[in-house]
Amino acid sequence: MATDRRTSLADSALDVLADEGVRGLTHRAVDRRAAVPPGTTSAYFRTRAALLTGLVTRLVRLDQAELQGTAEQLPPLRTPGDLVDGLLLLTRQRLTGEGRRRSLARHACAVESVRDPELREILLPRENAGREAVRSFLAARGVPDSEHRAHTLLTCVDGLVFDRLVCGGDVPREDLEGLVAAALR
């Protein structure tokens, strides 16, 4: 039961962070969002650092599950257009609904991780089905250092997502086509 409560509180903390930003993330705010008695969050995450660590750990798990699910939805990547379609799906997921809320929280946590090595370590890019699909696609086309190029391409996509979170709108297909073309060059 404690794990379920910790997960529920981490999910509520994610919601608070997405809605109110880092300054709004307090134990009391999470208690209110989770509709639990005052002090509950503090009992599970004693310090603010522990709360952030729990939130980031949960965020990474949700992101990994999303990336795995996205990779499973896509047909095999055979053409640059297929890769662009996959990246468009990912960016749309990250800019709408629950994915948008996680993106807002992720970027807030990324800024916090500049001063917190523990958070940075949790947030470091992990291997996942999506990253592997991009790496394999590039390697199959003879792209040198496909691991590094896949990382760079996905980092650029993250930058486009950040830009759209701040400025609004969707990521244009042409932008993703340009990134894929650059990665293939």
N, C-alpha and C. Protein backbone atom coordinates (compact mmCIF):
# COMPACT_ATOMS: atom_id res chain seq x y z
N MET A 1 0.82 -1.20 0.00
CA MET A 1 0.00 0.00 0.00
C MET A 1 0.86 1.26 0.00
N ALA A 2 2.01 1.22 0.69
CA ALA A 2 2.87 2.40 0.75
C ALA A 2 3.36 2.79 -0.64
N THR A 3 3.69 1.80 -1.47
CA THR A 3 4.16 2.09 -2.83
C THR A 3 3.05 2.76 -3.62
N ASP A 4 1.83 2.27 -3.50
CA ASP A 4 0.72 2.90 -4.20
C ASP A 4 0.51 4.33 -3.72
N ARG A 5 0.63 4.57 -2.43
CA ARG A 5 0.47 5.92 -1.88
C ARG A 5 1.60 6.81 -2.38
N ARG A 6 2.83 6.30 -2.39
CA ARG A 6 3.96 7.09 -2.89
C ARG A 6 3.75 7.44 -4.37
N THR A 7 3.27 6.48 -5.15
CA THR A 7 3.01 6.73 -6.56
C THR A 7 1.92 7.77 -6.73
N SER A 8 0.86 7.63 -5.97
CA SER A 8 -0.25 8.58 -6.02
C SER A 8 0.22 9.99 -5.64
N LEU A 9 1.03 10.07 -4.61
CA LEU A 9 1.55 11.38 -4.19
C LEU A 9 2.50 11.96 -5.23
N ALA A 10 3.32 11.11 -5.83
CA ALA A 10 4.22 11.59 -6.89
C ALA A 10 3.41 12.09 -8.09
N ASP A 11 2.33 11.40 -8.44
CA ASP A 11 1.46 11.85 -9.52
C ASP A 11 0.83 13.20 -9.18
N SER A 12 0.41 13.35 -7.94
CA SER A 12 -0.17 14.64 -7.52
C SER A 12 0.89 15.73 -7.54
N ALA A 13 2.12 15.39 -7.14
CA ALA A 13 3.21 16.36 -7.19
C ALA A 13 3.48 16.79 -8.63
N LEU A 14 3.43 15.83 -9.56
CA LEU A 14 3.58 16.16 -10.99
C LEU A 14 2.51 17.16 -11.42
N ASP A 15 1.28 16.92 -11.00
CA ASP A 15 0.19 17.83 -11.36
C ASP A 15 0.42 19.22 -10.78
N VAL A 16 0.84 19.28 -9.53
CA VAL A 16 1.11 20.58 -8.90
C VAL A 16 2.21 21.30 -9.66
N LEU A 17 3.29 20.59 -9.97
CA LEU A 17 4.40 21.20 -10.69
C LEU A 17 3.96 21.71 -12.06
N ALA A 18 3.17 20.92 -12.78
CA ALA A 18 2.70 21.32 -14.10
C ALA A 18 1.79 22.55 -14.01
N ASP A 19 0.98 22.64 -12.97
CA ASP A 19 0.02 23.74 -12.84
C ASP A 19 0.60 24.98 -12.18
N GLU A 20 1.49 24.78 -11.21
CA GLU A 20 1.92 25.91 -10.38
C GLU A 20 3.41 26.21 -10.46
N GLY A 21 4.16 25.36 -11.14
CA GLY A 21 5.59 25.59 -11.24
C GLY A 21 6.34 25.15 -9.99
N VAL A 22 7.64 25.34 -10.02
CA VAL A 22 8.50 24.87 -8.93
C VAL A 22 8.16 25.57 -7.62
N ARG A 23 7.87 26.85 -7.68
CA ARG A 23 7.54 27.58 -6.44
C ARG A 23 6.28 27.05 -5.78
N GLY A 24 5.35 26.55 -6.57
CA GLY A 24 4.10 26.05 -6.01
C GLY A 24 4.18 24.64 -5.47
N LEU A 25 5.31 23.96 -5.73
CA LEU A 25 5.45 22.57 -5.29
C LEU A 25 5.83 22.52 -3.81
N THR A 26 4.83 22.30 -2.99
CA THR A 26 5.05 22.16 -1.55
C THR A 26 4.35 20.89 -1.08
N HIS A 27 4.74 20.44 0.10
CA HIS A 27 4.08 19.27 0.67
C HIS A 27 2.59 19.54 0.85
N ARG A 28 2.24 20.74 1.32
CA ARG A 28 0.83 21.08 1.53
C ARG A 28 0.05 21.09 0.22
N ALA A 29 0.67 21.65 -0.83
CA ALA A 29 -0.01 21.69 -2.13
C ALA A 29 -0.27 20.27 -2.64
N VAL A 30 0.68 19.38 -2.45
CA VAL A 30 0.51 17.99 -2.88
C VAL A 30 -0.58 17.32 -2.05
N ASP A 31 -0.60 17.57 -0.74
CA ASP A 31 -1.66 17.04 0.12
C ASP A 31 -3.03 17.48 -0.40
N ARG A 32 -3.16 18.76 -0.72
CA ARG A 32 -4.44 19.27 -1.22
C ARG A 32 -4.81 18.60 -2.54
N ARG A 33 -3.85 18.52 -3.47
CA ARG A 33 -4.12 17.94 -4.79
C ARG A 33 -4.50 16.47 -4.66
N ALA A 34 -3.84 15.75 -3.77
CA ALA A 34 -4.10 14.32 -3.59
C ALA A 34 -5.33 14.07 -2.72
N ALA A 35 -5.87 15.13 -2.14
CA ALA A 35 -7.03 15.03 -1.24
C ALA A 35 -6.74 14.06 -0.09
N VAL A 36 -5.58 14.28 0.54
CA VAL A 36 -5.18 13.48 1.70
C VAL A 36 -5.03 14.41 2.89
N PRO A 37 -5.04 13.86 4.10
CA PRO A 37 -4.89 14.71 5.28
C PRO A 37 -3.57 15.47 5.27
N PRO A 38 -3.57 16.68 5.82
CA PRO A 38 -2.32 17.45 5.91
C PRO A 38 -1.22 16.63 6.58
N GLY A 39 -0.02 16.72 6.04
CA GLY A 39 1.12 15.99 6.59
C GLY A 39 1.39 14.65 5.93
N THR A 40 0.45 14.18 5.09
CA THR A 40 0.62 12.87 4.46
C THR A 40 1.84 12.87 3.54
N THR A 41 1.94 13.86 2.68
CA THR A 41 3.07 13.91 1.75
C THR A 41 4.38 13.96 2.51
N SER A 42 4.43 14.76 3.55
CA SER A 42 5.64 14.87 4.36
C SER A 42 6.00 13.56 5.03
N ALA A 43 5.02 12.74 5.33
CA ALA A 43 5.30 11.43 5.95
C ALA A 43 5.97 10.49 4.94
N TYR A 44 5.64 10.62 3.68
CA TYR A 44 6.21 9.75 2.64
C TYR A 44 7.46 10.34 2.01
N PHE A 45 7.50 11.66 1.87
CA PHE A 45 8.65 12.36 1.29
C PHE A 45 9.04 13.45 2.29
N ARG A 46 9.93 13.11 3.19
CA ARG A 46 10.22 13.95 4.35
C ARG A 46 10.68 15.36 3.99
N THR A 47 11.49 15.49 2.97
CA THR A 47 12.03 16.79 2.60
C THR A 47 11.56 17.19 1.20
N ARG A 48 11.79 18.43 0.87
CA ARG A 48 11.46 18.89 -0.48
C ARG A 48 12.32 18.15 -1.51
N ALA A 49 13.58 17.91 -1.16
CA ALA A 49 14.47 17.17 -2.05
C ALA A 49 13.93 15.76 -2.28
N ALA A 50 13.44 15.12 -1.24
CA ALA A 50 12.88 13.78 -1.38
C ALA A 50 11.62 13.81 -2.25
N LEU A 51 10.82 14.85 -2.10
CA LEU A 51 9.62 15.01 -2.91
C LEU A 51 10.00 15.17 -4.39
N LEU A 52 10.98 16.01 -4.67
CA LEU A 52 11.44 16.20 -6.05
C LEU A 52 12.01 14.90 -6.62
N THR A 53 12.78 14.19 -5.81
CA THR A 53 13.35 12.92 -6.28
C THR A 53 12.25 11.92 -6.60
N GLY A 54 11.25 11.83 -5.75
CA GLY A 54 10.12 10.93 -6.00
C GLY A 54 9.35 11.32 -7.24
N LEU A 55 9.14 12.62 -7.42
CA LEU A 55 8.43 13.13 -8.59
C LEU A 55 9.22 12.81 -9.86
N VAL A 56 10.53 13.09 -9.87
CA VAL A 56 11.34 12.86 -11.06
C VAL A 56 11.43 11.37 -11.39
N THR A 57 11.55 10.54 -10.37
CA THR A 57 11.59 9.09 -10.60
C THR A 57 10.29 8.63 -11.26
N ARG A 58 9.18 9.12 -10.79
CA ARG A 58 7.88 8.78 -11.38
C ARG A 58 7.77 9.32 -12.80
N LEU A 59 8.22 10.53 -13.03
CA LEU A 59 8.19 11.14 -14.34
C LEU A 59 8.97 10.31 -15.35
N VAL A 60 10.15 9.87 -14.98
CA VAL A 60 10.98 9.07 -15.88
C VAL A 60 10.27 7.74 -16.20
N ARG A 61 9.66 7.13 -15.20
CA ARG A 61 8.93 5.87 -15.46
C ARG A 61 7.77 6.09 -16.43
N LEU A 62 7.04 7.17 -16.25
CA LEU A 62 5.93 7.47 -17.16
C LEU A 62 6.45 7.75 -18.57
N ASP A 63 7.54 8.51 -18.67
CA ASP A 63 8.12 8.80 -19.98
C ASP A 63 8.60 7.53 -20.67
N GLN A 64 9.25 6.65 -19.92
CA GLN A 64 9.73 5.39 -20.51
C GLN A 64 8.56 4.56 -21.03
N ALA A 65 7.49 4.50 -20.26
CA ALA A 65 6.31 3.74 -20.69
C ALA A 65 5.70 4.37 -21.95
N GLU A 66 5.67 5.71 -22.00
CA GLU A 66 5.15 6.39 -23.19
C GLU A 66 6.00 6.09 -24.41
N LEU A 67 7.31 6.16 -24.27
CA LEU A 67 8.20 5.90 -25.40
C LEU A 67 8.08 4.46 -25.88
N GLN A 68 7.95 3.53 -24.96
CA GLN A 68 7.77 2.12 -25.34
C GLN A 68 6.46 1.96 -26.10
N GLY A 69 5.40 2.56 -25.59
CA GLY A 69 4.09 2.46 -26.24
C GLY A 69 4.09 3.10 -27.62
N THR A 70 4.76 4.23 -27.75
CA THR A 70 4.85 4.90 -29.05
C THR A 70 5.59 4.02 -30.05
N ALA A 71 6.71 3.46 -29.61
CA ALA A 71 7.49 2.59 -30.50
C ALA A 71 6.67 1.39 -30.95
N GLU A 72 5.84 0.85 -30.06
CA GLU A 72 5.02 -0.31 -30.41
C GLU A 72 3.88 0.05 -31.37
N GLN A 73 3.44 1.31 -31.36
CA GLN A 73 2.35 1.75 -32.24
C GLN A 73 2.81 1.90 -33.68
N LEU A 74 4.08 2.17 -33.86
CA LEU A 74 4.59 2.52 -35.18
C LEU A 74 4.94 1.28 -35.99
N PRO A 75 4.71 1.36 -37.29
CA PRO A 75 5.23 0.30 -38.16
C PRO A 75 6.74 0.42 -38.21
N PRO A 76 7.44 -0.58 -38.72
CA PRO A 76 8.89 -0.48 -38.83
C PRO A 76 9.29 0.78 -39.61
N LEU A 77 10.35 1.43 -39.16
CA LEU A 77 10.84 2.64 -39.82
C LEU A 77 11.64 2.23 -41.05
N ARG A 78 11.09 2.53 -42.22
CA ARG A 78 11.76 2.13 -43.47
C ARG A 78 12.26 3.32 -44.27
N THR A 79 11.58 4.46 -44.11
CA THR A 79 11.94 5.63 -44.90
C THR A 79 12.11 6.83 -43.97
N PRO A 80 12.77 7.88 -44.45
CA PRO A 80 12.84 9.10 -43.63
C PRO A 80 11.45 9.62 -43.26
N GLY A 81 10.48 9.45 -44.17
CA GLY A 81 9.11 9.87 -43.86
C GLY A 81 8.52 9.09 -42.69
N ASP A 82 8.85 7.80 -42.60
CA ASP A 82 8.39 6.99 -41.46
C ASP A 82 8.96 7.55 -40.15
N LEU A 83 10.23 7.91 -40.18
CA LEU A 83 10.86 8.47 -38.98
C LEU A 83 10.22 9.80 -38.62
N VAL A 84 9.96 10.64 -39.60
CA VAL A 84 9.29 11.92 -39.35
C VAL A 84 7.91 11.67 -38.74
N ASP A 85 7.16 10.70 -39.28
CA ASP A 85 5.84 10.39 -38.73
C ASP A 85 5.93 9.98 -37.27
N GLY A 86 6.93 9.16 -36.94
CA GLY A 86 7.11 8.74 -35.56
C GLY A 86 7.46 9.91 -34.65
N LEU A 87 8.32 10.79 -35.13
CA LEU A 87 8.68 11.97 -34.33
C LEU A 87 7.51 12.92 -34.18
N LEU A 88 6.67 13.04 -35.22
CA LEU A 88 5.46 13.86 -35.11
C LEU A 88 4.51 13.30 -34.06
N LEU A 89 4.35 11.99 -34.06
CA LEU A 89 3.49 11.36 -33.06
C LEU A 89 4.02 11.66 -31.66
N LEU A 90 5.32 11.50 -31.47
CA LEU A 90 5.92 11.77 -30.16
C LEU A 90 5.73 13.23 -29.76
N THR A 91 5.98 14.17 -30.67
CA THR A 91 5.85 15.58 -30.30
C THR A 91 4.40 15.92 -29.98
N ARG A 92 3.47 15.36 -30.72
CA ARG A 92 2.06 15.63 -30.42
C ARG A 92 1.67 15.08 -29.05
N GLN A 93 2.18 13.90 -28.73
CA GLN A 93 1.91 13.33 -27.41
C GLN A 93 2.47 14.23 -26.32
N ARG A 94 3.63 14.81 -26.57
CA ARG A 94 4.28 15.65 -25.56
C ARG A 94 3.72 17.05 -25.48
N LEU A 95 2.86 17.42 -26.44
CA LEU A 95 2.30 18.76 -26.46
C LEU A 95 0.80 18.79 -26.16
N THR A 96 0.19 17.64 -25.95
CA THR A 96 -1.25 17.61 -25.71
C THR A 96 -1.56 16.77 -24.47
N GLY A 97 -2.68 17.11 -23.85
CA GLY A 97 -3.19 16.32 -22.74
C GLY A 97 -2.19 16.08 -21.63
N GLU A 98 -2.18 14.86 -21.16
CA GLU A 98 -1.29 14.47 -20.05
C GLU A 98 0.18 14.61 -20.44
N GLY A 99 0.49 14.35 -21.71
CA GLY A 99 1.87 14.50 -22.16
C GLY A 99 2.37 15.93 -22.03
N ARG A 100 1.49 16.90 -22.29
CA ARG A 100 1.88 18.30 -22.14
C ARG A 100 2.20 18.61 -20.68
N ARG A 101 1.38 18.10 -19.79
CA ARG A 101 1.60 18.35 -18.36
C ARG A 101 2.94 17.74 -17.92
N ARG A 102 3.23 16.54 -18.41
CA ARG A 102 4.52 15.92 -18.08
C ARG A 102 5.67 16.69 -18.69
N SER A 103 5.47 17.23 -19.90
CA SER A 103 6.53 18.02 -20.53
C SER A 103 6.83 19.27 -19.71
N LEU A 104 5.79 19.95 -19.25
CA LEU A 104 5.99 21.12 -18.40
C LEU A 104 6.76 20.74 -17.13
N ALA A 105 6.36 19.65 -16.51
CA ALA A 105 7.04 19.19 -15.29
C ALA A 105 8.48 18.77 -15.60
N ARG A 106 8.68 18.07 -16.71
CA ARG A 106 10.01 17.60 -17.09
C ARG A 106 10.98 18.76 -17.25
N HIS A 107 10.54 19.81 -17.94
CA HIS A 107 11.42 20.95 -18.16
C HIS A 107 11.70 21.70 -16.86
N ALA A 108 10.71 21.81 -16.00
CA ALA A 108 10.95 22.44 -14.69
C ALA A 108 11.96 21.61 -13.89
N CYS A 109 11.84 20.30 -13.94
CA CYS A 109 12.78 19.43 -13.22
C CYS A 109 14.17 19.49 -13.83
N ALA A 110 14.24 19.63 -15.15
CA ALA A 110 15.54 19.73 -15.82
C ALA A 110 16.28 20.96 -15.33
N VAL A 111 15.58 22.08 -15.18
CA VAL A 111 16.22 23.29 -14.66
C VAL A 111 16.68 23.07 -13.22
N GLU A 112 15.85 22.43 -12.41
CA GLU A 112 16.23 22.14 -11.03
C GLU A 112 17.46 21.23 -10.97
N SER A 113 17.59 20.32 -11.94
CA SER A 113 18.68 19.35 -11.91
C SER A 113 20.04 19.98 -12.17
N VAL A 114 20.05 21.21 -12.66
CA VAL A 114 21.32 21.92 -12.86
C VAL A 114 22.05 22.06 -11.52
N ARG A 115 21.29 22.22 -10.45
CA ARG A 115 21.86 22.40 -9.12
C ARG A 115 21.78 21.14 -8.25
N ASP A 116 21.24 20.07 -8.81
CA ASP A 116 21.03 18.86 -8.02
C ASP A 116 21.50 17.64 -8.79
N PRO A 117 22.72 17.16 -8.51
CA PRO A 117 23.27 16.02 -9.25
C PRO A 117 22.40 14.77 -9.17
N GLU A 118 21.71 14.56 -8.06
CA GLU A 118 20.85 13.37 -7.93
C GLU A 118 19.70 13.43 -8.93
N LEU A 119 19.06 14.59 -9.05
CA LEU A 119 17.98 14.74 -10.03
C LEU A 119 18.53 14.59 -11.45
N ARG A 120 19.68 15.18 -11.69
CA ARG A 120 20.29 15.10 -13.03
C ARG A 120 20.54 13.65 -13.41
N GLU A 121 21.03 12.87 -12.48
CA GLU A 121 21.31 11.45 -12.76
C GLU A 121 20.03 10.70 -13.10
N ILE A 122 18.95 11.01 -12.43
CA ILE A 122 17.67 10.34 -12.70
C ILE A 122 17.14 10.76 -14.08
N LEU A 123 17.34 12.03 -14.44
CA LEU A 123 16.79 12.57 -15.68
C LEU A 123 17.63 12.27 -16.92
N LEU A 124 18.86 11.79 -16.74
CA LEU A 124 19.70 11.50 -17.91
C LEU A 124 18.96 10.61 -18.89
N PRO A 125 19.15 10.84 -20.19
CA PRO A 125 18.45 10.00 -21.17
C PRO A 125 18.73 8.51 -20.95
N ARG A 126 17.71 7.73 -21.03
CA ARG A 126 17.81 6.29 -20.83
C ARG A 126 17.58 5.57 -22.14
N GLU A 127 18.06 4.36 -22.20
CA GLU A 127 17.74 3.52 -23.35
C GLU A 127 16.25 3.21 -23.30
N ASN A 128 15.64 3.24 -24.46
CA ASN A 128 14.23 2.89 -24.57
C ASN A 128 13.96 2.51 -26.02
N ALA A 129 12.78 1.98 -26.25
CA ALA A 129 12.45 1.48 -27.58
C ALA A 129 12.46 2.60 -28.62
N GLY A 130 12.03 3.79 -28.26
CA GLY A 130 12.02 4.90 -29.20
C GLY A 130 13.43 5.30 -29.62
N ARG A 131 14.31 5.44 -28.65
CA ARG A 131 15.70 5.81 -28.94
C ARG A 131 16.36 4.72 -29.79
N GLU A 132 16.09 3.47 -29.45
CA GLU A 132 16.69 2.36 -30.20
C GLU A 132 16.18 2.33 -31.64
N ALA A 133 14.90 2.64 -31.84
CA ALA A 133 14.35 2.66 -33.20
C ALA A 133 15.04 3.74 -34.05
N VAL A 134 15.26 4.91 -33.47
CA VAL A 134 15.94 5.99 -34.20
C VAL A 134 17.39 5.59 -34.49
N ARG A 135 18.08 5.06 -33.48
CA ARG A 135 19.47 4.64 -33.67
C ARG A 135 19.59 3.57 -34.75
N SER A 136 18.71 2.58 -34.69
CA SER A 136 18.73 1.49 -35.68
C SER A 136 18.44 2.02 -37.09
N PHE A 137 17.49 2.93 -37.20
CA PHE A 137 17.16 3.52 -38.49
C PHE A 137 18.39 4.21 -39.08
N LEU A 138 19.06 5.02 -38.28
CA LEU A 138 20.24 5.73 -38.76
C LEU A 138 21.38 4.76 -39.10
N ALA A 139 21.58 3.77 -38.25
CA ALA A 139 22.66 2.79 -38.49
C ALA A 139 22.41 2.02 -39.78
N ALA A 140 21.16 1.66 -40.03
CA ALA A 140 20.82 0.89 -41.24
C ALA A 140 21.09 1.69 -42.51
N ARG A 141 21.14 3.00 -42.37
CA ARG A 141 21.42 3.85 -43.54
C ARG A 141 22.88 4.26 -43.60
N GLY A 142 23.70 3.62 -42.79
CA GLY A 142 25.13 3.87 -42.83
C GLY A 142 25.57 5.17 -42.20
N VAL A 143 24.72 5.75 -41.36
CA VAL A 143 25.09 7.01 -40.71
C VAL A 143 26.18 6.72 -39.68
N PRO A 144 27.33 7.39 -39.81
CA PRO A 144 28.40 7.16 -38.84
C PRO A 144 27.98 7.66 -37.46
N ASP A 145 28.44 6.95 -36.43
CA ASP A 145 28.14 7.30 -35.04
C ASP A 145 26.64 7.50 -34.82
N SER A 146 25.89 6.48 -35.23
CA SER A 146 24.43 6.57 -35.16
C SER A 146 23.92 6.79 -33.74
N GLU A 147 24.65 6.30 -32.75
CA GLU A 147 24.24 6.51 -31.35
C GLU A 147 24.24 8.00 -31.02
N HIS A 148 25.33 8.65 -31.35
CA HIS A 148 25.45 10.09 -31.07
C HIS A 148 24.44 10.89 -31.91
N ARG A 149 24.28 10.54 -33.17
CA ARG A 149 23.35 11.26 -34.04
C ARG A 149 21.90 11.08 -33.57
N ALA A 150 21.56 9.87 -33.10
CA ALA A 150 20.21 9.64 -32.57
C ALA A 150 19.98 10.52 -31.35
N HIS A 151 20.98 10.57 -30.47
CA HIS A 151 20.87 11.41 -29.27
C HIS A 151 20.69 12.88 -29.67
N THR A 152 21.49 13.35 -30.63
CA THR A 152 21.39 14.73 -31.08
C THR A 152 20.02 15.02 -31.70
N LEU A 153 19.54 14.12 -32.54
CA LEU A 153 18.24 14.30 -33.18
C LEU A 153 17.14 14.39 -32.13
N LEU A 154 17.15 13.47 -31.17
CA LEU A 154 16.10 13.47 -30.14
C LEU A 154 16.23 14.68 -29.22
N THR A 155 17.43 15.16 -29.00
CA THR A 155 17.62 16.38 -28.21
C THR A 155 17.03 17.57 -28.96
N CYS A 156 17.23 17.62 -30.28
CA CYS A 156 16.63 18.69 -31.09
C CYS A 156 15.10 18.62 -31.04
N VAL A 157 14.55 17.43 -31.08
CA VAL A 157 13.10 17.26 -30.99
C VAL A 157 12.63 17.78 -29.62
N ASP A 158 13.36 17.46 -28.56
CA ASP A 158 13.01 17.98 -27.24
C ASP A 158 13.02 19.51 -27.24
N GLY A 159 13.98 20.10 -27.95
CA GLY A 159 14.04 21.56 -28.05
C GLY A 159 12.83 22.13 -28.78
N LEU A 160 12.40 21.46 -29.83
CA LEU A 160 11.18 21.89 -30.53
C LEU A 160 9.96 21.79 -29.62
N VAL A 161 9.89 20.72 -28.84
CA VAL A 161 8.78 20.57 -27.90
C VAL A 161 8.80 21.72 -26.89
N PHE A 162 9.98 22.01 -26.35
CA PHE A 162 10.10 23.12 -25.39
C PHE A 162 9.63 24.43 -26.03
N ASP A 163 10.09 24.70 -27.25
CA ASP A 163 9.70 25.92 -27.94
C ASP A 163 8.19 26.00 -28.11
N ARG A 164 7.56 24.90 -28.46
CA ARG A 164 6.10 24.90 -28.64
C ARG A 164 5.37 25.01 -27.31
N LEU A 165 5.94 24.49 -26.23
CA LEU A 165 5.32 24.67 -24.92
C LEU A 165 5.30 26.14 -24.55
N VAL A 166 6.39 26.83 -24.85
CA VAL A 166 6.51 28.24 -24.49
C VAL A 166 5.71 29.12 -25.44
N CYS A 167 5.80 28.84 -26.74
CA CYS A 167 5.21 29.72 -27.75
C CYS A 167 3.83 29.28 -28.23
N GLY A 168 3.47 28.04 -27.94
CA GLY A 168 2.19 27.51 -28.39
C GLY A 168 2.28 26.92 -29.79
N GLY A 169 1.30 26.15 -30.13
CA GLY A 169 1.24 25.57 -31.47
C GLY A 169 1.85 24.18 -31.53
N ASP A 170 1.88 23.66 -32.74
CA ASP A 170 2.38 22.31 -33.00
C ASP A 170 3.75 22.42 -33.66
N VAL A 171 4.49 21.35 -33.62
CA VAL A 171 5.78 21.31 -34.30
C VAL A 171 5.51 21.06 -35.78
N PRO A 172 5.95 21.98 -36.66
CA PRO A 172 5.72 21.78 -38.09
C PRO A 172 6.47 20.57 -38.63
N ARG A 173 5.83 19.83 -39.50
CA ARG A 173 6.44 18.66 -40.13
C ARG A 173 7.76 19.03 -40.81
N GLU A 174 7.79 20.20 -41.43
CA GLU A 174 9.00 20.63 -42.14
C GLU A 174 10.20 20.71 -41.20
N ASP A 175 9.96 21.16 -39.95
CA ASP A 175 11.05 21.25 -38.98
C ASP A 175 11.62 19.86 -38.70
N LEU A 176 10.73 18.88 -38.51
CA LEU A 176 11.19 17.52 -38.24
C LEU A 176 11.85 16.91 -39.47
N GLU A 177 11.32 17.19 -40.64
CA GLU A 177 11.95 16.69 -41.87
C GLU A 177 13.38 17.23 -41.99
N GLY A 178 13.57 18.50 -41.65
CA GLY A 178 14.91 19.10 -41.70
C GLY A 178 15.86 18.45 -40.71
N LEU A 179 15.36 18.15 -39.52
CA LEU A 179 16.21 17.48 -38.53
C LEU A 179 16.60 16.08 -38.96
N VAL A 180 15.63 15.35 -39.50
CA VAL A 180 15.93 13.99 -39.97
C VAL A 180 16.94 14.04 -41.12
N ALA A 181 16.73 14.97 -42.05
CA ALA A 181 17.67 15.10 -43.17
C ALA A 181 19.07 15.42 -42.67
N ALA A 182 19.17 16.31 -41.69
CA ALA A 182 20.48 16.66 -41.12
C ALA A 182 21.12 15.46 -40.45
N ALA A 183 20.33 14.67 -39.74
CA ALA A 183 20.87 13.47 -39.07
C ALA A 183 21.37 12.46 -40.10
N LEU A 184 20.65 12.35 -41.20
CA LEU A 184 21.06 11.41 -42.24
C LEU A 184 22.31 11.88 -42.99
N ARG A 185 22.48 13.21 -43.08
CA ARG A 185 23.70 13.74 -43.72
C ARG A 185 24.88 13.48 -42.82
